[in-house]
Amino acid sequence: MIVALVVVAAVILLPLILIVAGGMLIVVGGQQVGVVERRYFGRTLPAGRVVAMRDEVGVQARVLPPGLHIMFPFIYVVRKTGMLMISEDEVGILESIDGLSLEPGRRGTIPSRTAKRSSETAARRARRSTSFPPASTESIPTSSRFALSP
């Protein structure tokens, strides 16, 4: 019985010790962001690319938001930096160093497929929505008409 308890305790405590003492637990503060860099076990970046995607070695496109995160310290290195706060009377300029270039004369971002889908969904909802009360009672069946008493 005691041997079984020791085995269960070891199975529970060993991962906890590895997470806390081994540097696997990363705490990103409320006003911070974690920049992730993958060091090993991935494809090399294609020529001309600066930012790595999910399975590539290098500075990753994703960042860690505030909170607790578990990552393998021998694969990833996380650098915590302060968030840049842009107030209402300031202008923020974002410079892209990787990705598709914009067409000549175009400003802003290239719309993604999800943005296109969400705008199409919003347009469908707008077409389906009707105003209340209806502008005309001719299209409403007689059984649905009502009168408000003062």
N, C-alpha and C. Protein backbone atom coordinates (compact mmCIF):
# COMPACT_ATOMS: atom_id res chain seq x y z
N MET A 1 0.82 -1.20 0.00
CA MET A 1 0.00 0.00 0.00
C MET A 1 0.86 1.26 0.00
N ILE A 2 1.93 1.25 0.78
CA ILE A 2 2.81 2.42 0.86
C ILE A 2 3.56 2.60 -0.45
N VAL A 3 3.94 1.52 -1.08
CA VAL A 3 4.65 1.60 -2.36
C VAL A 3 3.73 2.24 -3.42
N ALA A 4 2.46 1.88 -3.41
CA ALA A 4 1.51 2.46 -4.36
C ALA A 4 1.36 3.97 -4.13
N LEU A 5 1.31 4.40 -2.88
CA LEU A 5 1.21 5.83 -2.56
C LEU A 5 2.46 6.58 -3.01
N VAL A 6 3.62 5.99 -2.84
CA VAL A 6 4.87 6.62 -3.26
C VAL A 6 4.90 6.76 -4.78
N VAL A 7 4.44 5.74 -5.49
CA VAL A 7 4.41 5.80 -6.95
C VAL A 7 3.44 6.87 -7.42
N VAL A 8 2.25 6.95 -6.81
CA VAL A 8 1.26 7.95 -7.18
C VAL A 8 1.81 9.36 -6.89
N ALA A 9 2.44 9.55 -5.75
CA ALA A 9 3.02 10.85 -5.40
C ALA A 9 4.11 11.24 -6.38
N ALA A 10 4.94 10.27 -6.77
CA ALA A 10 6.01 10.57 -7.73
C ALA A 10 5.43 10.94 -9.08
N VAL A 11 4.37 10.25 -9.51
CA VAL A 11 3.74 10.55 -10.80
C VAL A 11 3.12 11.94 -10.78
N ILE A 12 2.60 12.36 -9.65
CA ILE A 12 1.99 13.69 -9.56
C ILE A 12 3.04 14.78 -9.38
N LEU A 13 4.02 14.55 -8.53
CA LEU A 13 5.01 15.59 -8.22
C LEU A 13 6.06 15.80 -9.31
N LEU A 14 6.45 14.76 -10.00
CA LEU A 14 7.50 14.90 -11.02
C LEU A 14 7.12 15.90 -12.11
N PRO A 15 5.91 15.82 -12.72
CA PRO A 15 5.56 16.84 -13.72
C PRO A 15 5.48 18.25 -13.12
N LEU A 16 4.99 18.37 -11.89
CA LEU A 16 4.92 19.69 -11.26
C LEU A 16 6.31 20.28 -11.04
N ILE A 17 7.25 19.45 -10.62
CA ILE A 17 8.63 19.92 -10.42
C ILE A 17 9.24 20.34 -11.76
N LEU A 18 9.01 19.54 -12.80
CA LEU A 18 9.54 19.90 -14.12
C LEU A 18 8.94 21.20 -14.63
N ILE A 19 7.65 21.41 -14.40
CA ILE A 19 7.00 22.62 -14.90
C ILE A 19 7.52 23.85 -14.17
N VAL A 20 7.57 23.82 -12.85
CA VAL A 20 7.96 25.00 -12.08
C VAL A 20 9.48 25.21 -12.08
N ALA A 21 10.24 24.19 -11.70
CA ALA A 21 11.68 24.34 -11.58
C ALA A 21 12.38 24.28 -12.94
N GLY A 22 11.80 23.61 -13.89
CA GLY A 22 12.44 23.45 -15.19
C GLY A 22 12.22 24.62 -16.14
N GLY A 23 11.49 25.62 -15.72
CA GLY A 23 11.28 26.79 -16.56
C GLY A 23 10.20 26.61 -17.61
N MET A 24 9.34 25.60 -17.45
CA MET A 24 8.27 25.39 -18.42
C MET A 24 7.10 26.33 -18.19
N LEU A 25 6.95 26.84 -16.98
CA LEU A 25 5.85 27.73 -16.65
C LEU A 25 6.28 29.16 -16.93
N ILE A 26 5.55 29.83 -17.82
CA ILE A 26 5.87 31.20 -18.20
C ILE A 26 4.71 32.09 -17.78
N VAL A 27 5.04 33.12 -17.02
CA VAL A 27 4.03 34.06 -16.55
C VAL A 27 4.24 35.37 -17.30
N VAL A 28 3.25 35.75 -18.09
CA VAL A 28 3.29 37.02 -18.81
C VAL A 28 2.37 37.98 -18.06
N GLY A 29 2.93 39.10 -17.62
CA GLY A 29 2.18 40.07 -16.82
C GLY A 29 1.06 40.74 -17.60
N GLY A 30 0.22 41.47 -16.86
CA GLY A 30 -0.95 42.12 -17.45
C GLY A 30 -0.62 43.19 -18.47
N GLN A 31 0.52 43.85 -18.36
CA GLN A 31 0.92 44.89 -19.31
C GLN A 31 2.09 44.43 -20.17
N GLN A 32 2.22 43.12 -20.34
CA GLN A 32 3.32 42.56 -21.12
C GLN A 32 2.79 41.70 -22.26
N VAL A 33 3.68 41.39 -23.17
CA VAL A 33 3.41 40.45 -24.25
C VAL A 33 4.66 39.59 -24.38
N GLY A 34 4.48 38.30 -24.66
CA GLY A 34 5.62 37.39 -24.79
C GLY A 34 5.93 37.12 -26.24
N VAL A 35 7.14 37.48 -26.66
CA VAL A 35 7.59 37.22 -28.03
C VAL A 35 8.27 35.84 -28.02
N VAL A 36 7.75 34.93 -28.85
CA VAL A 36 8.20 33.53 -28.84
C VAL A 36 9.21 33.31 -29.96
N GLU A 37 10.31 32.66 -29.61
CA GLU A 37 11.31 32.27 -30.60
C GLU A 37 11.53 30.77 -30.48
N ARG A 38 11.37 30.07 -31.59
CA ARG A 38 11.62 28.63 -31.61
C ARG A 38 13.08 28.41 -31.97
N ARG A 39 13.78 27.63 -31.15
CA ARG A 39 15.21 27.42 -31.35
C ARG A 39 15.54 26.15 -32.13
N TYR A 40 14.82 25.06 -31.85
CA TYR A 40 15.17 23.76 -32.42
C TYR A 40 13.93 23.04 -32.94
N PHE A 41 14.14 21.93 -33.64
CA PHE A 41 13.10 21.00 -34.08
C PHE A 41 12.06 21.67 -34.96
N GLY A 42 12.49 22.15 -36.10
CA GLY A 42 11.55 22.74 -37.05
C GLY A 42 12.23 22.97 -38.39
N ARG A 43 11.42 23.36 -39.36
CA ARG A 43 11.96 23.67 -40.69
C ARG A 43 12.67 25.01 -40.63
N THR A 44 13.62 25.19 -41.53
CA THR A 44 14.29 26.49 -41.63
C THR A 44 13.38 27.46 -42.38
N LEU A 45 13.60 28.74 -42.17
CA LEU A 45 12.80 29.76 -42.85
C LEU A 45 13.10 29.77 -44.34
N PRO A 46 12.08 29.93 -45.17
CA PRO A 46 12.33 30.08 -46.61
C PRO A 46 13.10 31.37 -46.88
N ALA A 47 13.75 31.45 -48.02
CA ALA A 47 14.55 32.62 -48.37
C ALA A 47 13.66 33.87 -48.43
N GLY A 48 14.13 34.95 -47.83
CA GLY A 48 13.42 36.22 -47.85
C GLY A 48 12.41 36.39 -46.75
N ARG A 49 12.20 35.39 -45.93
CA ARG A 49 11.24 35.48 -44.83
C ARG A 49 11.95 35.86 -43.54
N VAL A 50 11.27 36.61 -42.68
CA VAL A 50 11.84 37.06 -41.41
C VAL A 50 11.10 36.45 -40.23
N VAL A 51 9.80 36.28 -40.36
CA VAL A 51 8.96 35.79 -39.27
C VAL A 51 8.59 34.34 -39.56
N ALA A 52 8.76 33.48 -38.54
CA ALA A 52 8.50 32.05 -38.70
C ALA A 52 7.05 31.72 -38.40
N MET A 53 6.54 30.75 -39.13
CA MET A 53 5.20 30.25 -38.86
C MET A 53 5.31 29.09 -37.88
N ARG A 54 4.22 28.37 -37.67
CA ARG A 54 4.10 27.39 -36.59
C ARG A 54 5.25 26.38 -36.51
N ASP A 55 5.61 25.70 -37.57
CA ASP A 55 6.61 24.63 -37.51
C ASP A 55 7.98 25.07 -38.03
N GLU A 56 8.28 26.35 -37.99
CA GLU A 56 9.56 26.85 -38.50
C GLU A 56 10.38 27.40 -37.34
N VAL A 57 11.70 27.31 -37.49
CA VAL A 57 12.62 27.82 -36.48
C VAL A 57 12.81 29.32 -36.69
N GLY A 58 12.70 30.09 -35.61
CA GLY A 58 12.88 31.53 -35.67
C GLY A 58 11.85 32.25 -34.82
N VAL A 59 11.83 33.56 -34.90
CA VAL A 59 10.85 34.36 -34.17
C VAL A 59 9.47 34.06 -34.75
N GLN A 60 8.56 33.64 -33.89
CA GLN A 60 7.25 33.18 -34.31
C GLN A 60 6.30 34.34 -34.59
N ALA A 61 5.33 34.10 -35.46
CA ALA A 61 4.33 35.12 -35.79
C ALA A 61 3.37 35.32 -34.62
N ARG A 62 3.19 34.32 -33.80
CA ARG A 62 2.27 34.45 -32.67
C ARG A 62 3.01 35.02 -31.46
N VAL A 63 2.27 35.68 -30.61
CA VAL A 63 2.81 36.19 -29.35
C VAL A 63 1.96 35.63 -28.23
N LEU A 64 2.53 35.64 -27.02
CA LEU A 64 1.80 35.15 -25.86
C LEU A 64 1.08 36.31 -25.19
N PRO A 65 -0.22 36.21 -25.01
CA PRO A 65 -0.94 37.26 -24.30
C PRO A 65 -0.70 37.14 -22.80
N PRO A 66 -1.14 38.12 -22.02
CA PRO A 66 -0.97 38.02 -20.56
C PRO A 66 -1.62 36.76 -20.01
N GLY A 67 -0.93 36.13 -19.04
CA GLY A 67 -1.46 34.93 -18.40
C GLY A 67 -0.36 33.89 -18.19
N LEU A 68 -0.78 32.69 -17.80
CA LEU A 68 0.14 31.57 -17.57
C LEU A 68 0.22 30.71 -18.82
N HIS A 69 1.43 30.33 -19.18
CA HIS A 69 1.64 29.50 -20.36
C HIS A 69 2.66 28.43 -20.02
N ILE A 70 2.48 27.24 -20.60
CA ILE A 70 3.44 26.15 -20.42
C ILE A 70 4.08 25.89 -21.77
N MET A 71 5.41 26.05 -21.82
CA MET A 71 6.17 25.81 -23.06
C MET A 71 7.45 25.07 -22.71
N PHE A 72 7.96 24.31 -23.65
CA PHE A 72 9.19 23.57 -23.42
C PHE A 72 10.38 24.52 -23.54
N PRO A 73 11.18 24.70 -22.48
CA PRO A 73 12.27 25.68 -22.52
C PRO A 73 13.43 25.28 -23.43
N PHE A 74 13.55 24.01 -23.76
CA PHE A 74 14.64 23.61 -24.64
C PHE A 74 14.27 23.77 -26.11
N ILE A 75 13.01 24.06 -26.41
CA ILE A 75 12.58 24.32 -27.79
C ILE A 75 12.33 25.80 -28.01
N TYR A 76 11.66 26.44 -27.04
CA TYR A 76 11.24 27.84 -27.18
C TYR A 76 11.96 28.75 -26.19
N VAL A 77 12.18 29.99 -26.59
CA VAL A 77 12.65 31.05 -25.71
C VAL A 77 11.61 32.16 -25.79
N VAL A 78 11.17 32.65 -24.63
CA VAL A 78 10.15 33.70 -24.59
C VAL A 78 10.77 34.96 -24.00
N ARG A 79 10.67 36.06 -24.75
CA ARG A 79 11.13 37.37 -24.26
C ARG A 79 9.90 38.20 -23.95
N LYS A 80 9.81 38.67 -22.71
CA LYS A 80 8.67 39.48 -22.31
C LYS A 80 9.00 40.96 -22.53
N THR A 81 8.10 41.65 -23.20
CA THR A 81 8.27 43.09 -23.41
C THR A 81 6.98 43.79 -23.00
N GLY A 82 7.10 45.07 -22.68
CA GLY A 82 5.93 45.84 -22.29
C GLY A 82 5.04 46.13 -23.49
N MET A 83 3.73 46.18 -23.25
CA MET A 83 2.80 46.53 -24.33
C MET A 83 2.95 48.00 -24.66
N LEU A 84 2.81 48.31 -25.92
CA LEU A 84 2.85 49.70 -26.36
C LEU A 84 1.43 50.24 -26.32
N MET A 85 1.21 51.24 -25.50
CA MET A 85 -0.12 51.83 -25.36
C MET A 85 -0.18 53.09 -26.23
N ILE A 86 -1.17 53.14 -27.10
CA ILE A 86 -1.38 54.30 -27.96
C ILE A 86 -2.64 55.01 -27.47
N SER A 87 -2.49 56.24 -27.02
CA SER A 87 -3.64 56.96 -26.48
C SER A 87 -4.50 57.51 -27.61
N GLU A 88 -5.63 58.09 -27.24
CA GLU A 88 -6.59 58.57 -28.23
C GLU A 88 -6.05 59.71 -29.08
N ASP A 89 -5.13 60.51 -28.54
CA ASP A 89 -4.62 61.65 -29.30
C ASP A 89 -3.32 61.32 -30.03
N GLU A 90 -2.97 60.05 -30.14
CA GLU A 90 -1.76 59.62 -30.83
C GLU A 90 -2.13 58.74 -32.03
N VAL A 91 -1.16 58.57 -32.91
CA VAL A 91 -1.34 57.72 -34.08
C VAL A 91 -0.28 56.64 -34.04
N GLY A 92 -0.68 55.39 -34.25
CA GLY A 92 0.25 54.29 -34.30
C GLY A 92 0.50 53.86 -35.73
N ILE A 93 1.76 53.67 -36.07
CA ILE A 93 2.11 53.22 -37.42
C ILE A 93 2.72 51.84 -37.29
N LEU A 94 2.18 50.90 -38.03
CA LEU A 94 2.64 49.52 -38.02
C LEU A 94 3.39 49.26 -39.31
N GLU A 95 4.63 48.83 -39.20
CA GLU A 95 5.43 48.55 -40.37
C GLU A 95 5.60 47.05 -40.52
N SER A 96 5.24 46.53 -41.66
CA SER A 96 5.34 45.11 -41.92
C SER A 96 6.73 44.78 -42.45
N ILE A 97 7.34 43.73 -41.89
CA ILE A 97 8.66 43.32 -42.36
C ILE A 97 8.62 41.97 -43.06
N ASP A 98 7.43 41.36 -43.13
CA ASP A 98 7.30 40.04 -43.74
C ASP A 98 5.89 39.90 -44.28
N GLY A 99 5.71 39.04 -45.25
CA GLY A 99 4.38 38.77 -45.79
C GLY A 99 4.21 39.33 -47.19
N LEU A 100 2.98 39.28 -47.67
CA LEU A 100 2.67 39.76 -49.01
C LEU A 100 2.73 41.28 -49.05
N SER A 101 3.24 41.81 -50.14
CA SER A 101 3.26 43.27 -50.27
C SER A 101 1.93 43.74 -50.84
N LEU A 102 1.61 44.98 -50.54
CA LEU A 102 0.35 45.55 -51.01
C LEU A 102 0.45 45.94 -52.47
N GLU A 103 -0.70 46.00 -53.11
CA GLU A 103 -0.75 46.44 -54.50
C GLU A 103 -0.39 47.92 -54.55
N PRO A 104 0.19 48.40 -55.65
CA PRO A 104 0.54 49.83 -55.74
C PRO A 104 -0.69 50.71 -55.56
N GLY A 105 -0.56 51.73 -54.73
CA GLY A 105 -1.64 52.67 -54.49
C GLY A 105 -2.62 52.23 -53.41
N ARG A 106 -2.46 51.05 -52.85
CA ARG A 106 -3.38 50.55 -51.83
C ARG A 106 -2.81 50.82 -50.45
N ARG A 107 -3.67 51.27 -49.55
CA ARG A 107 -3.27 51.50 -48.16
C ARG A 107 -4.06 50.53 -47.28
N GLY A 108 -3.48 50.14 -46.20
CA GLY A 108 -4.20 49.27 -45.27
C GLY A 108 -3.82 47.83 -45.46
N THR A 109 -4.67 46.95 -44.98
CA THR A 109 -4.36 45.53 -45.01
C THR A 109 -5.08 44.83 -46.14
N ILE A 110 -4.61 43.66 -46.45
CA ILE A 110 -5.27 42.82 -47.44
C ILE A 110 -6.36 42.05 -46.70
N PRO A 111 -7.63 42.16 -47.13
CA PRO A 111 -8.70 41.48 -46.39
C PRO A 111 -8.52 39.98 -46.44
N SER A 112 -8.71 39.34 -45.30
CA SER A 112 -8.57 37.90 -45.25
C SER A 112 -9.89 37.24 -45.63
N ARG A 113 -9.84 35.91 -45.79
CA ARG A 113 -11.06 35.19 -46.13
C ARG A 113 -12.08 35.28 -45.00
N THR A 114 -11.61 35.27 -43.74
CA THR A 114 -12.55 35.34 -42.62
C THR A 114 -13.20 36.70 -42.57
N ALA A 115 -12.46 37.78 -42.88
CA ALA A 115 -13.07 39.11 -42.89
C ALA A 115 -14.12 39.19 -44.00
N LYS A 116 -13.84 38.57 -45.15
CA LYS A 116 -14.81 38.58 -46.25
C LYS A 116 -16.05 37.81 -45.83
N ARG A 117 -15.85 36.64 -45.19
CA ARG A 117 -16.99 35.86 -44.74
C ARG A 117 -17.81 36.61 -43.71
N SER A 118 -17.15 37.29 -42.77
CA SER A 118 -17.90 37.99 -41.73
C SER A 118 -18.67 39.16 -42.32
N SER A 119 -18.12 39.86 -43.33
CA SER A 119 -18.88 40.94 -43.95
C SER A 119 -20.05 40.40 -44.75
N GLU A 120 -19.88 39.23 -45.40
CA GLU A 120 -20.99 38.62 -46.11
C GLU A 120 -22.08 38.18 -45.13
N THR A 121 -21.69 37.65 -43.99
CA THR A 121 -22.66 37.25 -42.97
C THR A 121 -23.41 38.46 -42.45
N ALA A 122 -22.71 39.56 -42.21
CA ALA A 122 -23.37 40.77 -41.73
C ALA A 122 -24.35 41.31 -42.77
N ALA A 123 -23.99 41.22 -44.05
CA ALA A 123 -24.90 41.67 -45.11
C ALA A 123 -26.14 40.80 -45.17
N ARG A 124 -25.98 39.48 -45.02
CA ARG A 124 -27.15 38.59 -45.01
C ARG A 124 -28.06 38.90 -43.83
N ARG A 125 -27.47 39.14 -42.67
CA ARG A 125 -28.28 39.47 -41.50
C ARG A 125 -29.02 40.78 -41.70
N ALA A 126 -28.37 41.75 -42.32
CA ALA A 126 -29.02 43.03 -42.56
C ALA A 126 -30.19 42.87 -43.52
N ARG A 127 -30.04 42.00 -44.53
CA ARG A 127 -31.15 41.78 -45.47
C ARG A 127 -32.32 41.08 -44.80
N ARG A 128 -31.99 40.16 -43.86
CA ARG A 128 -33.05 39.41 -43.19
C ARG A 128 -33.77 40.24 -42.15
N SER A 129 -33.07 41.19 -41.54
CA SER A 129 -33.69 41.95 -40.46
C SER A 129 -34.76 42.87 -41.02
N THR A 130 -35.81 43.03 -40.28
CA THR A 130 -36.90 43.92 -40.67
C THR A 130 -37.09 44.95 -39.58
N SER A 131 -37.56 46.09 -39.95
CA SER A 131 -37.79 47.13 -38.96
C SER A 131 -39.15 46.91 -38.31
N PHE A 132 -39.30 47.34 -37.09
CA PHE A 132 -40.57 47.24 -36.38
C PHE A 132 -40.97 48.61 -35.92
N PRO A 133 -42.14 49.07 -36.10
CA PRO A 133 -43.23 48.44 -36.84
C PRO A 133 -42.97 48.51 -38.33
N PRO A 134 -43.60 47.64 -39.11
CA PRO A 134 -43.38 47.64 -40.55
C PRO A 134 -43.88 48.94 -41.18
N ALA A 135 -43.25 49.32 -42.28
CA ALA A 135 -43.60 50.57 -42.95
C ALA A 135 -44.98 50.48 -43.58
N SER A 136 -45.38 49.33 -44.05
CA SER A 136 -46.67 49.18 -44.71
C SER A 136 -47.39 47.97 -44.14
N THR A 137 -48.69 48.05 -44.00
CA THR A 137 -49.45 46.91 -43.48
C THR A 137 -50.03 46.06 -44.58
N GLU A 138 -49.84 46.42 -45.85
CA GLU A 138 -50.39 45.63 -46.94
C GLU A 138 -49.75 44.25 -47.01
N SER A 139 -48.47 44.14 -46.66
CA SER A 139 -47.78 42.87 -46.78
C SER A 139 -48.02 41.96 -45.57
N ILE A 140 -48.66 42.47 -44.52
CA ILE A 140 -48.89 41.67 -43.33
C ILE A 140 -50.27 41.03 -43.44
N PRO A 141 -50.39 39.73 -43.16
CA PRO A 141 -51.71 39.09 -43.21
C PRO A 141 -52.66 39.76 -42.22
N THR A 142 -53.96 39.68 -42.51
CA THR A 142 -54.97 40.33 -41.70
C THR A 142 -54.95 39.84 -40.26
N SER A 143 -54.69 38.57 -40.06
CA SER A 143 -54.68 38.01 -38.72
C SER A 143 -53.54 38.56 -37.88
N SER A 144 -52.49 39.11 -38.53
CA SER A 144 -51.34 39.62 -37.80
C SER A 144 -51.45 41.10 -37.49
N ARG A 145 -52.43 41.81 -38.09
CA ARG A 145 -52.56 43.24 -37.85
C ARG A 145 -53.09 43.48 -36.44
N PHE A 146 -52.62 44.55 -35.86
CA PHE A 146 -53.09 44.90 -34.51
C PHE A 146 -53.18 46.42 -34.43
N ALA A 147 -53.93 46.85 -33.46
CA ALA A 147 -54.09 48.29 -33.24
C ALA A 147 -53.74 48.60 -31.80
N LEU A 148 -53.06 49.69 -31.62
CA LEU A 148 -52.71 50.12 -30.27
C LEU A 148 -53.77 51.08 -29.77
N SER A 149 -54.24 50.84 -28.58
CA SER A 149 -55.25 51.76 -28.03
C SER A 149 -54.53 52.81 -27.20
N PRO A 150 -55.02 54.07 -27.29
CA PRO A 150 -54.33 55.13 -26.53
C PRO A 150 -54.61 55.04 -25.05
